[in-house]
């Protein structure tokens, strides 16, 4: 079968936030090449991020244990991919198994990040991040791979698409929790130990302070909130899947969280966010800020980071003066104009 137009597969078998930051690629590819065929390769867990996306022709699911695959599994999956006749592959992060999978699937133009040996021996065209200098947004770095196949855009606004029925469901959720027109604030407490975050005690303090205002209703968006953080008056029913979480976040006026997946979902839905970041470049808002909404962030002072940084940002809880609850309250008032 001779293919004379672009058939592109984008791989991002990552966590929620990383996958959301890949959503600009299909849109910008389709704008540049309207007749192209675009598929995304994801874990089952995150397929909801791309569901109902008008720029995605197919969502291909890869097994969660794919990193353990041997040659039989690689050949089996390569045979499956060959049926799509892809001629371009964009690998948004270095991944040895994905690299060999696309090679065995016969995809001629494969583009990856960095300069790994396995990329060299399989003829991958590489995009360098130049040690993140100058520091840009992760979504912009992802677009660099699309630029390698001729995309000229610098629009890396993220997006998640809802059906009319899902939009109606989001409105129903809002009416359920905000019966008197209160501002509905979601608080996502956990982060999967992926970034610096407030302590549970700090979140409890924040919730109690926000509850003092009659203009505000608080809901907790975590699938599994820490013990003692929730009561029947301030919690969503558990989201059974990410698509349900997306609808619940769509019902909000503001989401407060660390730099984690739900904050990127909110941004892609154009819901304002207030996010906690540290000052290390690898964790900074310049690299990881929610993209596509009113995105405000709070950081500890430079002095705090210089004197009290625990060296591992994932273990930092901004305690002992890092981020004060009053700072968060003032940020909420500015965003919601209350």
C-alpha atoms as a PDB file:
ATOM      1  CA  UNK A   1       0.000   0.000   0.000  1.00  0.00           C
ATOM      2  CA  UNK A   2       1.509   3.301  -1.119  1.00  0.00           C
ATOM      3  CA  UNK A   3       0.713   6.212   1.192  1.00  0.00           C
ATOM      4  CA  UNK A   4       1.265   9.728  -0.198  1.00  0.00           C
ATOM      5  CA  UNK A   5       0.086  11.711   2.828  1.00  0.00           C
ATOM      6  CA  UNK A   6       1.200  11.923   6.428  1.00  0.00           C
ATOM      7  CA  UNK A   7       0.101   9.131   8.741  1.00  0.00           C
ATOM      8  CA  UNK A   8       1.406  10.047  12.166  1.00  0.00           C
ATOM      9  CA  UNK A   9       1.520   8.269  15.502  1.00  0.00           C
ATOM     10  CA  UNK A  10       2.280  10.249  18.660  1.00  0.00           C
ATOM     11  CA  UNK A  11       3.439   8.246  21.679  1.00  0.00           C
ATOM     12  CA  UNK A  12       2.909   9.467  25.243  1.00  0.00           C
ATOM     13  CA  UNK A  13       2.341   6.477  27.583  1.00  0.00           C
ATOM     14  CA  UNK A  14       2.757   8.722  30.636  1.00  0.00           C
ATOM     15  CA  UNK A  15       0.872  10.245  33.537  1.00  0.00           C
ATOM     16  CA  UNK A  16      -2.177  12.481  33.220  1.00  0.00           C
ATOM     17  CA  UNK A  17      -0.411  15.854  33.180  1.00  0.00           C
ATOM     18  CA  UNK A  18       2.156  14.753  30.585  1.00  0.00           C
ATOM     19  CA  UNK A  19      -0.597  13.432  28.326  1.00  0.00           C
ATOM     20  CA  UNK A  20      -2.619  16.660  28.604  1.00  0.00           C
ATOM     21  CA  UNK A  21       0.457  18.618  27.525  1.00  0.00           C
ATOM     22  CA  UNK A  22       0.544  16.529  24.334  1.00  0.00           C
ATOM     23  CA  UNK A  23      -2.962  17.617  23.276  1.00  0.00           C
ATOM     24  CA  UNK A  24      -1.775  20.582  21.163  1.00  0.00           C
ATOM     25  CA  UNK A  25       0.075  18.295  18.739  1.00  0.00           C
ATOM     26  CA  UNK A  26      -2.838  16.658  16.869  1.00  0.00           C
ATOM     27  CA  UNK A  27      -4.569  20.026  16.510  1.00  0.00           C
ATOM     28  CA  UNK A  28      -1.538  21.820  15.106  1.00  0.00           C
ATOM     29  CA  UNK A  29      -0.637  18.897  12.839  1.00  0.00           C
ATOM     30  CA  UNK A  30      -4.153  18.836  11.383  1.00  0.00           C
ATOM     31  CA  UNK A  31      -4.094  22.593  10.830  1.00  0.00           C
ATOM     32  CA  UNK A  32      -0.825  22.293   8.910  1.00  0.00           C
ATOM     33  CA  UNK A  33      -1.739  19.039   7.146  1.00  0.00           C
ATOM     34  CA  UNK A  34      -5.567  18.776   6.952  1.00  0.00           C
ATOM     35  CA  UNK A  35      -5.484  15.430   5.130  1.00  0.00           C
ATOM     36  CA  UNK A  36      -3.131  13.757   7.579  1.00  0.00           C
ATOM     37  CA  UNK A  37      -4.074  10.758   9.715  1.00  0.00           C
ATOM     38  CA  UNK A  38      -3.155  11.231  13.384  1.00  0.00           C
ATOM     39  CA  UNK A  39      -3.186   8.548  16.091  1.00  0.00           C
ATOM     40  CA  UNK A  40      -1.998   8.645  19.687  1.00  0.00           C
ATOM     41  CA  UNK A  41      -0.378   5.778  21.587  1.00  0.00           C
ATOM     42  CA  UNK A  42      -1.392   5.820  25.269  1.00  0.00           C
ATOM     43  CA  UNK A  43      -1.942   3.692  28.333  1.00  0.00           C
ATOM     44  CA  UNK A  44      -5.578   2.715  28.927  1.00  0.00           C
ATOM     45  CA  UNK A  45      -5.571   4.880  32.068  1.00  0.00           C
ATOM     46  CA  UNK A  46      -5.207   8.135  30.127  1.00  0.00           C
ATOM     47  CA  UNK A  47      -7.175   7.489  26.947  1.00  0.00           C
ATOM     48  CA  UNK A  48      -9.985   9.717  28.285  1.00  0.00           C
ATOM     49  CA  UNK A  49      -7.769  12.761  27.738  1.00  0.00           C
ATOM     50  CA  UNK A  50      -8.046  12.324  23.964  1.00  0.00           C
ATOM     51  CA  UNK A  51     -11.582  10.956  23.710  1.00  0.00           C
ATOM     52  CA  UNK A  52     -13.940  13.066  21.557  1.00  0.00           C
ATOM     53  CA  UNK A  53     -10.934  14.967  20.182  1.00  0.00           C
ATOM     54  CA  UNK A  54     -11.790  16.051  16.606  1.00  0.00           C
ATOM     55  CA  UNK A  55      -8.107  16.082  15.607  1.00  0.00           C
ATOM     56  CA  UNK A  56      -7.398  12.465  16.592  1.00  0.00           C
ATOM     57  CA  UNK A  57      -8.302   9.696  14.158  1.00  0.00           C
ATOM     58  CA  UNK A  58      -7.484   6.812  16.478  1.00  0.00           C
ATOM     59  CA  UNK A  59      -6.406   6.072  20.045  1.00  0.00           C
ATOM     60  CA  UNK A  60      -4.121   3.051  20.284  1.00  0.00           C
ATOM     61  CA  UNK A  61      -3.683   1.492  23.720  1.00  0.00           C
ATOM     62  CA  UNK A  62      -0.424  -0.087  24.835  1.00  0.00           C
ATOM     63  CA  UNK A  63      -0.199  -2.589  27.694  1.00  0.00           C
ATOM     64  CA  UNK A  64       0.749  -1.174  31.083  1.00  0.00           C
ATOM     65  CA  UNK A  65       3.572  -3.711  31.338  1.00  0.00           C
ATOM     66  CA  UNK A  66       5.067  -2.925  27.937  1.00  0.00           C
ATOM     67  CA  UNK A  67       8.458  -2.066  29.431  1.00  0.00           C
ATOM     68  CA  UNK A  68       8.791  -5.764  30.323  1.00  0.00           C
ATOM     69  CA  UNK A  69       8.134  -6.968  26.783  1.00  0.00           C
ATOM     70  CA  UNK A  70      10.521  -9.326  25.082  1.00  0.00           C
ATOM     71  CA  UNK A  71      10.904  -9.910  21.337  1.00  0.00           C
ATOM     72  CA  UNK A  72       7.692 -11.971  20.948  1.00  0.00           C
ATOM     73  CA  UNK A  73       5.558  -9.159  22.365  1.00  0.00           C
ATOM     74  CA  UNK A  74       7.402  -6.504  20.347  1.00  0.00           C
ATOM     75  CA  UNK A  75       6.913  -8.415  17.089  1.00  0.00           C
ATOM     76  CA  UNK A  76       3.233  -9.032  17.939  1.00  0.00           C
ATOM     77  CA  UNK A  77       2.549  -5.330  18.549  1.00  0.00           C
ATOM     78  CA  UNK A  78       4.671  -4.237  15.594  1.00  0.00           C
ATOM     79  CA  UNK A  79       2.509  -6.439  13.368  1.00  0.00           C
ATOM     80  CA  UNK A  80      -0.583  -4.700  14.753  1.00  0.00           C
ATOM     81  CA  UNK A  81       0.884  -1.245  14.050  1.00  0.00           C
ATOM     82  CA  UNK A  82       1.979  -2.153  10.507  1.00  0.00           C
ATOM     83  CA  UNK A  83      -1.699  -2.318   9.510  1.00  0.00           C
ATOM     84  CA  UNK A  84      -1.961   1.441  10.035  1.00  0.00           C
ATOM     85  CA  UNK A  85       0.825   2.205   7.524  1.00  0.00           C
ATOM     86  CA  UNK A  86       2.280   4.994   9.657  1.00  0.00           C
ATOM     87  CA  UNK A  87       5.086   6.932   7.994  1.00  0.00           C
ATOM     88  CA  UNK A  88       5.865   9.330  10.871  1.00  0.00           C
ATOM     89  CA  UNK A  89       6.293   8.675  14.602  1.00  0.00           C
ATOM     90  CA  UNK A  90       6.727  11.331  17.289  1.00  0.00           C
ATOM     91  CA  UNK A  91       8.147   9.898  20.528  1.00  0.00           C
ATOM     92  CA  UNK A  92       7.705  12.675  23.082  1.00  0.00           C
ATOM     93  CA  UNK A  93      10.055  11.140  25.644  1.00  0.00           C
ATOM     94  CA  UNK A  94      12.935   8.657  25.258  1.00  0.00           C
ATOM     95  CA  UNK A  95      11.590   5.126  25.634  1.00  0.00           C
ATOM     96  CA  UNK A  96      13.616   2.129  24.496  1.00  0.00           C
ATOM     97  CA  UNK A  97      10.704  -0.280  24.006  1.00  0.00           C
ATOM     98  CA  UNK A  98       8.614   2.257  22.078  1.00  0.00           C
ATOM     99  CA  UNK A  99      11.683   3.037  19.993  1.00  0.00           C
ATOM    100  CA  UNK A 100      12.121  -0.628  18.980  1.00  0.00           C
ATOM    101  CA  UNK A 101       8.374  -1.063  18.507  1.00  0.00           C
ATOM    102  CA  UNK A 102       8.158   1.729  15.949  1.00  0.00           C
ATOM    103  CA  UNK A 103      11.347   0.503  14.229  1.00  0.00           C
ATOM    104  CA  UNK A 104       9.922  -3.006  13.862  1.00  0.00           C
ATOM    105  CA  UNK A 105       6.605  -1.546  12.685  1.00  0.00           C
ATOM    106  CA  UNK A 106       8.444  -0.126   9.669  1.00  0.00           C
ATOM    107  CA  UNK A 107       7.776   3.540  10.398  1.00  0.00           C
ATOM    108  CA  UNK A 108      10.350   5.302   8.268  1.00  0.00           C
ATOM    109  CA  UNK A 109      10.490   8.770   9.837  1.00  0.00           C
ATOM    110  CA  UNK A 110      10.875   8.404  13.593  1.00  0.00           C
ATOM    111  CA  UNK A 111      11.595  11.447  15.755  1.00  0.00           C
ATOM    112  CA  UNK A 112      12.626  11.307  19.394  1.00  0.00           C
ATOM    113  CA  UNK A 113      14.132  13.395  22.166  1.00  0.00           C
ATOM    114  CA  UNK A 114      17.810  13.261  23.072  1.00  0.00           C
ATOM    115  CA  UNK A 115      20.645  11.070  21.841  1.00  0.00           C
ATOM    116  CA  UNK A 116      20.321   7.570  23.253  1.00  0.00           C
ATOM    117  CA  UNK A 117      22.342   4.709  21.778  1.00  0.00           C
ATOM    118  CA  UNK A 118      19.190   2.762  20.879  1.00  0.00           C
ATOM    119  CA  UNK A 119      17.971   5.794  18.937  1.00  0.00           C
ATOM    120  CA  UNK A 120      21.260   6.027  17.061  1.00  0.00           C
ATOM    121  CA  UNK A 121      21.333   2.382  15.952  1.00  0.00           C
ATOM    122  CA  UNK A 122      17.713   2.504  14.738  1.00  0.00           C
ATOM    123  CA  UNK A 123      18.093   5.753  12.777  1.00  0.00           C
ATOM    124  CA  UNK A 124      15.903   8.026  14.880  1.00  0.00           C
ATOM    125  CA  UNK A 125      15.983  11.734  14.078  1.00  0.00           C
ATOM    126  CA  UNK A 126      16.563  13.538  17.358  1.00  0.00           C
ATOM    127  CA  UNK A 127      15.363  16.798  18.875  1.00  0.00           C
ATOM    128  CA  UNK A 128      17.584  18.239  21.596  1.00  0.00           C
ATOM    129  CA  UNK A 129      16.291  20.205  24.554  1.00  0.00           C
ATOM    130  CA  UNK A 130      19.739  21.756  24.984  1.00  0.00           C
ATOM    131  CA  UNK A 131      19.686  21.153  28.745  1.00  0.00           C
ATOM    132  CA  UNK A 132      16.507  23.244  28.937  1.00  0.00           C
ATOM    133  CA  UNK A 133      18.314  26.451  27.971  1.00  0.00           C
ATOM    134  CA  UNK A 134      16.486  28.650  27.340  1.00  0.00           C
ATOM    135  CA  UNK A 135      13.795  27.244  29.625  1.00  0.00           C
ATOM    136  CA  UNK A 136      10.490  26.832  27.780  1.00  0.00           C
ATOM    137  CA  UNK A 137       7.188  25.130  28.498  1.00  0.00           C
ATOM    138  CA  UNK A 138       6.981  21.324  28.272  1.00  0.00           C
ATOM    139  CA  UNK A 139       4.141  21.600  25.745  1.00  0.00           C
ATOM    140  CA  UNK A 140       6.355  23.790  23.562  1.00  0.00           C
ATOM    141  CA  UNK A 141       9.182  21.251  23.773  1.00  0.00           C
ATOM    142  CA  UNK A 142       6.694  18.592  22.647  1.00  0.00           C
ATOM    143  CA  UNK A 143       5.772  20.706  19.622  1.00  0.00           C
ATOM    144  CA  UNK A 144       9.442  20.691  18.606  1.00  0.00           C
ATOM    145  CA  UNK A 145       8.918  17.134  17.327  1.00  0.00           C
ATOM    146  CA  UNK A 146       5.971  18.221  15.195  1.00  0.00           C
ATOM    147  CA  UNK A 147       8.102  21.050  13.837  1.00  0.00           C
ATOM    148  CA  UNK A 148      10.510  18.392  12.564  1.00  0.00           C
ATOM    149  CA  UNK A 149       7.809  17.187  10.154  1.00  0.00           C
ATOM    150  CA  UNK A 150       6.875  20.665   8.957  1.00  0.00           C
ATOM    151  CA  UNK A 151       4.508  22.093  11.573  1.00  0.00           C
ATOM    152  CA  UNK A 152       5.228  25.809  12.003  1.00  0.00           C
ATOM    153  CA  UNK A 153       2.880  26.624  14.884  1.00  0.00           C
ATOM    154  CA  UNK A 154       3.831  27.956  18.302  1.00  0.00           C
ATOM    155  CA  UNK A 155       0.318  27.524  19.730  1.00  0.00           C
ATOM    156  CA  UNK A 156       0.636  25.062  22.599  1.00  0.00           C
ATOM    157  CA  UNK A 157      -2.681  25.734  24.314  1.00  0.00           C
ATOM    158  CA  UNK A 158      -3.953  22.459  25.773  1.00  0.00           C
ATOM    159  CA  UNK A 159      -7.517  21.255  25.285  1.00  0.00           C
ATOM    160  CA  UNK A 160      -9.928  18.492  26.245  1.00  0.00           C
ATOM    161  CA  UNK A 161     -13.169  18.107  24.304  1.00  0.00           C
ATOM    162  CA  UNK A 162     -16.508  17.304  25.946  1.00  0.00           C
ATOM    163  CA  UNK A 163     -19.643  16.003  24.271  1.00  0.00           C
ATOM    164  CA  UNK A 164     -22.865  18.043  24.629  1.00  0.00           C
ATOM    165  CA  UNK A 165     -24.089  15.423  27.095  1.00  0.00           C
ATOM    166  CA  UNK A 166     -20.924  15.765  29.187  1.00  0.00           C
ATOM    167  CA  UNK A 167     -21.254  19.552  29.242  1.00  0.00           C
ATOM    168  CA  UNK A 168     -24.810  19.162  30.494  1.00  0.00           C
ATOM    169  CA  UNK A 169     -23.618  16.738  33.171  1.00  0.00           C
ATOM    170  CA  UNK A 170     -21.024  19.290  34.323  1.00  0.00           C
ATOM    171  CA  UNK A 171     -23.784  21.890  34.680  1.00  0.00           C
ATOM    172  CA  UNK A 172     -25.864  19.450  36.729  1.00  0.00           C
ATOM    173  CA  UNK A 173     -22.921  18.815  39.051  1.00  0.00           C
ATOM    174  CA  UNK A 174     -22.453  22.538  39.492  1.00  0.00           C
ATOM    175  CA  UNK A 175     -26.120  23.044  40.368  1.00  0.00           C
ATOM    176  CA  UNK A 176     -25.916  20.224  42.915  1.00  0.00           C
ATOM    177  CA  UNK A 177     -23.019  21.768  44.835  1.00  0.00           C
ATOM    178  CA  UNK A 178     -23.585  25.476  44.215  1.00  0.00           C
ATOM    179  CA  UNK A 179     -27.299  25.858  44.839  1.00  0.00           C
ATOM    180  CA  UNK A 180     -27.168  29.537  45.781  1.00  0.00           C
ATOM    181  CA  UNK A 181     -24.644  30.733  43.242  1.00  0.00           C
ATOM    182  CA  UNK A 182     -21.575  30.197  45.434  1.00  0.00           C
ATOM    183  CA  UNK A 183     -18.160  30.023  43.790  1.00  0.00           C
ATOM    184  CA  UNK A 184     -17.245  26.355  43.520  1.00  0.00           C
ATOM    185  CA  UNK A 185     -13.620  25.696  44.456  1.00  0.00           C
ATOM    186  CA  UNK A 186     -12.059  22.310  43.921  1.00  0.00           C
ATOM    187  CA  UNK A 187      -9.079  21.290  46.027  1.00  0.00           C
ATOM    188  CA  UNK A 188      -6.893  18.410  44.875  1.00  0.00           C
ATOM    189  CA  UNK A 189      -4.693  17.373  47.804  1.00  0.00           C
ATOM    190  CA  UNK A 190      -2.652  14.416  46.595  1.00  0.00           C
ATOM    191  CA  UNK A 191       0.008  14.474  43.891  1.00  0.00           C
ATOM    192  CA  UNK A 192       1.254  10.900  43.618  1.00  0.00           C
ATOM    193  CA  UNK A 193       4.544  12.124  45.064  1.00  0.00           C
ATOM    194  CA  UNK A 194       5.343  13.720  41.709  1.00  0.00           C
ATOM    195  CA  UNK A 195       6.091  17.261  42.874  1.00  0.00           C
ATOM    196  CA  UNK A 196       6.366  19.558  45.923  1.00  0.00           C
ATOM    197  CA  UNK A 197       3.068  19.939  47.738  1.00  0.00           C
ATOM    198  CA  UNK A 198       1.430  21.383  50.850  1.00  0.00           C
ATOM    199  CA  UNK A 199       1.073  19.115  53.866  1.00  0.00           C
ATOM    200  CA  UNK A 200      -2.305  17.556  54.673  1.00  0.00           C
ATOM    201  CA  UNK A 201      -2.433  19.775  57.776  1.00  0.00           C
ATOM    202  CA  UNK A 202      -1.948  22.849  55.603  1.00  0.00           C
ATOM    203  CA  UNK A 203      -4.759  21.764  53.300  1.00  0.00           C
ATOM    204  CA  UNK A 204      -7.045  21.253  56.310  1.00  0.00           C
ATOM    205  CA  UNK A 205      -6.216  24.760  57.478  1.00  0.00           C
ATOM    206  CA  UNK A 206      -6.898  26.141  53.999  1.00  0.00           C
ATOM    207  CA  UNK A 207     -10.268  24.381  53.778  1.00  0.00           C
ATOM    208  CA  UNK A 208     -11.374  25.709  57.160  1.00  0.00           C
ATOM    209  CA  UNK A 209     -10.377  29.259  56.235  1.00  0.00           C
ATOM    210  CA  UNK A 210     -12.162  29.144  52.885  1.00  0.00           C
ATOM    211  CA  UNK A 211     -15.312  27.728  54.484  1.00  0.00           C
ATOM    212  CA  UNK A 212     -15.666  30.922  56.504  1.00  0.00           C
ATOM    213  CA  UNK A 213     -16.919  32.699  53.372  1.00  0.00           C
ATOM    214  CA  UNK A 214     -20.573  32.234  52.446  1.00  0.00           C
ATOM    215  CA  UNK A 215     -19.643  32.978  48.837  1.00  0.00           C
ATOM    216  CA  UNK A 216     -17.585  29.795  48.524  1.00  0.00           C
ATOM    217  CA  UNK A 217     -18.311  26.081  48.372  1.00  0.00           C
ATOM    218  CA  UNK A 218     -15.443  23.600  48.700  1.00  0.00           C
ATOM    219  CA  UNK A 219     -15.229  20.187  47.045  1.00  0.00           C
ATOM    220  CA  UNK A 220     -12.371  17.685  47.129  1.00  0.00           C
ATOM    221  CA  UNK A 221     -11.442  16.253  43.732  1.00  0.00           C
ATOM    222  CA  UNK A 222      -9.039  13.476  44.826  1.00  0.00           C
ATOM    223  CA  UNK A 223     -10.013   9.938  43.996  1.00  0.00           C
ATOM    224  CA  UNK A 224      -8.598   8.886  47.362  1.00  0.00           C
ATOM    225  CA  UNK A 225      -8.287  11.859  49.696  1.00  0.00           C
ATOM    226  CA  UNK A 226      -6.176  11.512  52.844  1.00  0.00           C
ATOM    227  CA  UNK A 227      -7.998  10.252  55.932  1.00  0.00           C
ATOM    228  CA  UNK A 228      -9.667  13.003  57.917  1.00  0.00           C
ATOM    229  CA  UNK A 229      -9.796  15.489  55.036  1.00  0.00           C
ATOM    230  CA  UNK A 230     -13.348  14.935  53.854  1.00  0.00           C
ATOM    231  CA  UNK A 231     -16.855  14.959  55.202  1.00  0.00           C
ATOM    232  CA  UNK A 232     -20.209  14.595  53.483  1.00  0.00           C
ATOM    233  CA  UNK A 233     -20.577  18.333  53.024  1.00  0.00           C
ATOM    234  CA  UNK A 234     -17.504  18.972  50.913  1.00  0.00           C
ATOM    235  CA  UNK A 235     -16.701  16.045  48.652  1.00  0.00           C
ATOM    236  CA  UNK A 236     -17.602  14.916  45.187  1.00  0.00           C
ATOM    237  CA  UNK A 237     -18.743  11.370  44.812  1.00  0.00           C
ATOM    238  CA  UNK A 238     -15.682   9.416  43.745  1.00  0.00           C
ATOM    239  CA  UNK A 239     -14.916   9.680  40.049  1.00  0.00           C
ATOM    240  CA  UNK A 240     -14.961   6.192  38.608  1.00  0.00           C
ATOM    241  CA  UNK A 241     -12.669   7.193  35.757  1.00  0.00           C
ATOM    242  CA  UNK A 242     -10.774  10.166  34.360  1.00  0.00           C
ATOM    243  CA  UNK A 243     -13.625  11.136  32.041  1.00  0.00           C
ATOM    244  CA  UNK A 244     -15.889  11.551  35.057  1.00  0.00           C
ATOM    245  CA  UNK A 245     -13.193  13.573  36.828  1.00  0.00           C
ATOM    246  CA  UNK A 246     -12.993  15.802  33.747  1.00  0.00           C
ATOM    247  CA  UNK A 247     -16.720  16.579  33.985  1.00  0.00           C
ATOM    248  CA  UNK A 248     -16.412  17.370  37.687  1.00  0.00           C
ATOM    249  CA  UNK A 249     -13.492  19.721  37.127  1.00  0.00           C
ATOM    250  CA  UNK A 250     -15.464  21.404  34.326  1.00  0.00           C
ATOM    251  CA  UNK A 251     -18.110  22.342  36.917  1.00  0.00           C
ATOM    252  CA  UNK A 252     -15.618  24.406  38.996  1.00  0.00           C
ATOM    253  CA  UNK A 253     -14.803  28.099  39.209  1.00  0.00           C
ATOM    254  CA  UNK A 254     -11.271  27.354  40.419  1.00  0.00           C
ATOM    255  CA  UNK A 255      -9.006  24.390  41.139  1.00  0.00           C
ATOM    256  CA  UNK A 256      -6.323  24.591  43.855  1.00  0.00           C
ATOM    257  CA  UNK A 257      -3.565  21.988  43.750  1.00  0.00           C
ATOM    258  CA  UNK A 258       0.102  21.226  43.427  1.00  0.00           C
ATOM    259  CA  UNK A 259       1.591  20.868  39.941  1.00  0.00           C
ATOM    260  CA  UNK A 260      -0.187  17.630  39.109  1.00  0.00           C
ATOM    261  CA  UNK A 261      -2.530  16.055  36.565  1.00  0.00           C
ATOM    262  CA  UNK A 262      -5.842  17.637  37.649  1.00  0.00           C
ATOM    263  CA  UNK A 263      -4.358  21.133  37.303  1.00  0.00           C
ATOM    264  CA  UNK A 264      -3.549  20.395  33.661  1.00  0.00           C
ATOM    265  CA  UNK A 265      -7.030  18.943  33.106  1.00  0.00           C
ATOM    266  CA  UNK A 266      -8.508  22.167  34.494  1.00  0.00           C
ATOM    267  CA  UNK A 267      -6.349  24.276  32.177  1.00  0.00           C
ATOM    268  CA  UNK A 268      -7.374  22.219  29.159  1.00  0.00           C
ATOM    269  CA  UNK A 269     -11.017  22.907  30.128  1.00  0.00           C
ATOM    270  CA  UNK A 270     -10.258  26.645  30.601  1.00  0.00           C
ATOM    271  CA  UNK A 271     -10.975  26.436  34.340  1.00  0.00           C
ATOM    272  CA  UNK A 272      -8.793  28.830  36.418  1.00  0.00           C
ATOM    273  CA  UNK A 273      -6.094  27.228  38.534  1.00  0.00           C
ATOM    274  CA  UNK A 274      -4.064  28.215  41.575  1.00  0.00           C
ATOM    275  CA  UNK A 275      -1.017  25.974  41.686  1.00  0.00           C
ATOM    276  CA  UNK A 276       1.919  25.512  44.081  1.00  0.00           C
ATOM    277  CA  UNK A 277       5.406  25.414  42.562  1.00  0.00           C
ATOM    278  CA  UNK A 278       8.930  25.365  43.920  1.00  0.00           C
ATOM    279  CA  UNK A 279      11.750  27.423  42.394  1.00  0.00           C
ATOM    280  CA  UNK A 280      13.877  24.625  40.955  1.00  0.00           C
ATOM    281  CA  UNK A 281      13.955  24.794  37.158  1.00  0.00           C
ATOM    282  CA  UNK A 282      12.873  21.165  36.805  1.00  0.00           C
ATOM    283  CA  UNK A 283       9.708  21.890  38.819  1.00  0.00           C
ATOM    284  CA  UNK A 284       9.121  25.495  37.764  1.00  0.00           C
ATOM    285  CA  UNK A 285       5.958  27.091  36.342  1.00  0.00           C
ATOM    286  CA  UNK A 286       7.979  28.129  33.295  1.00  0.00           C
ATOM    287  CA  UNK A 287       8.210  24.425  32.459  1.00  0.00           C
ATOM    288  CA  UNK A 288       5.039  22.965  33.969  1.00  0.00           C
ATOM    289  CA  UNK A 289       2.447  25.730  34.400  1.00  0.00           C
ATOM    290  CA  UNK A 290      -1.123  24.790  33.387  1.00  0.00           C
ATOM    291  CA  UNK A 291      -1.534  25.983  29.813  1.00  0.00           C
ATOM    292  CA  UNK A 292      -4.690  27.457  28.227  1.00  0.00           C
ATOM    293  CA  UNK A 293      -6.494  29.084  31.142  1.00  0.00           C
ATOM    294  CA  UNK A 294      -6.148  31.716  33.861  1.00  0.00           C
ATOM    295  CA  UNK A 295      -3.181  30.048  35.526  1.00  0.00           C
ATOM    296  CA  UNK A 296      -1.899  31.618  38.735  1.00  0.00           C
ATOM    297  CA  UNK A 297       0.787  30.119  40.916  1.00  0.00           C
ATOM    298  CA  UNK A 298       2.388  30.578  44.316  1.00  0.00           C
ATOM    299  CA  UNK A 299       6.025  29.887  45.110  1.00  0.00           C
ATOM    300  CA  UNK A 300       8.007  30.099  48.338  1.00  0.00           C
ATOM    301  CA  UNK A 301      10.491  32.931  48.666  1.00  0.00           C
ATOM    302  CA  UNK A 302      14.011  32.579  47.265  1.00  0.00           C
ATOM    303  CA  UNK A 303      15.355  32.825  50.804  1.00  0.00           C
ATOM    304  CA  UNK A 304      13.196  29.892  51.916  1.00  0.00           C
ATOM    305  CA  UNK A 305      14.406  27.732  49.031  1.00  0.00           C
ATOM    306  CA  UNK A 306      18.037  28.648  49.654  1.00  0.00           C
ATOM    307  CA  UNK A 307      17.930  27.820  53.359  1.00  0.00           C
ATOM    308  CA  UNK A 308      15.273  25.111  53.790  1.00  0.00           C
ATOM    309  CA  UNK A 309      15.136  23.163  50.537  1.00  0.00           C
ATOM    310  CA  UNK A 310      15.139  19.428  51.463  1.00  0.00           C
ATOM    311  CA  UNK A 311      17.222  18.708  48.305  1.00  0.00           C
ATOM    312  CA  UNK A 312      14.508  16.328  47.053  1.00  0.00           C
ATOM    313  CA  UNK A 313      11.633  18.526  45.804  1.00  0.00           C
ATOM    314  CA  UNK A 314       9.210  15.600  45.984  1.00  0.00           C
ATOM    315  CA  UNK A 315       9.599  15.525  49.770  1.00  0.00           C
ATOM    316  CA  UNK A 316       9.012  19.282  50.193  1.00  0.00           C
ATOM    317  CA  UNK A 317       5.751  20.343  51.831  1.00  0.00           C
ATOM    318  CA  UNK A 318       6.493  24.094  51.957  1.00  0.00           C
ATOM    319  CA  UNK A 319       6.304  23.960  55.754  1.00  0.00           C
ATOM    320  CA  UNK A 320       7.959  26.406  58.158  1.00  0.00           C
ATOM    321  CA  UNK A 321       7.110  29.484  56.158  1.00  0.00           C
ATOM    322  CA  UNK A 322       7.409  28.218  52.599  1.00  0.00           C
ATOM    323  CA  UNK A 323       3.858  28.982  51.479  1.00  0.00           C
ATOM    324  CA  UNK A 324       1.502  30.671  53.923  1.00  0.00           C
ATOM    325  CA  UNK A 325      -2.217  29.897  53.865  1.00  0.00           C
ATOM    326  CA  UNK A 326      -2.946  33.625  53.832  1.00  0.00           C
ATOM    327  CA  UNK A 327      -1.097  33.842  50.500  1.00  0.00           C
ATOM    328  CA  UNK A 328      -3.436  31.214  49.099  1.00  0.00           C
ATOM    329  CA  UNK A 329      -6.541  32.965  50.434  1.00  0.00           C
ATOM    330  CA  UNK A 330      -5.469  36.246  48.860  1.00  0.00           C
ATOM    331  CA  UNK A 331      -4.799  34.463  45.568  1.00  0.00           C
ATOM    332  CA  UNK A 332      -8.291  32.960  45.618  1.00  0.00           C
ATOM    333  CA  UNK A 333      -9.852  36.379  46.203  1.00  0.00           C
ATOM    334  CA  UNK A 334      -7.914  37.900  43.294  1.00  0.00           C
ATOM    335  CA  UNK A 335      -8.888  35.151  40.878  1.00  0.00           C
ATOM    336  CA  UNK A 336     -12.561  34.983  41.856  1.00  0.00           C
ATOM    337  CA  UNK A 337     -12.873  38.721  42.553  1.00  0.00           C
ATOM    338  CA  UNK A 338     -14.590  38.205  45.910  1.00  0.00           C
END
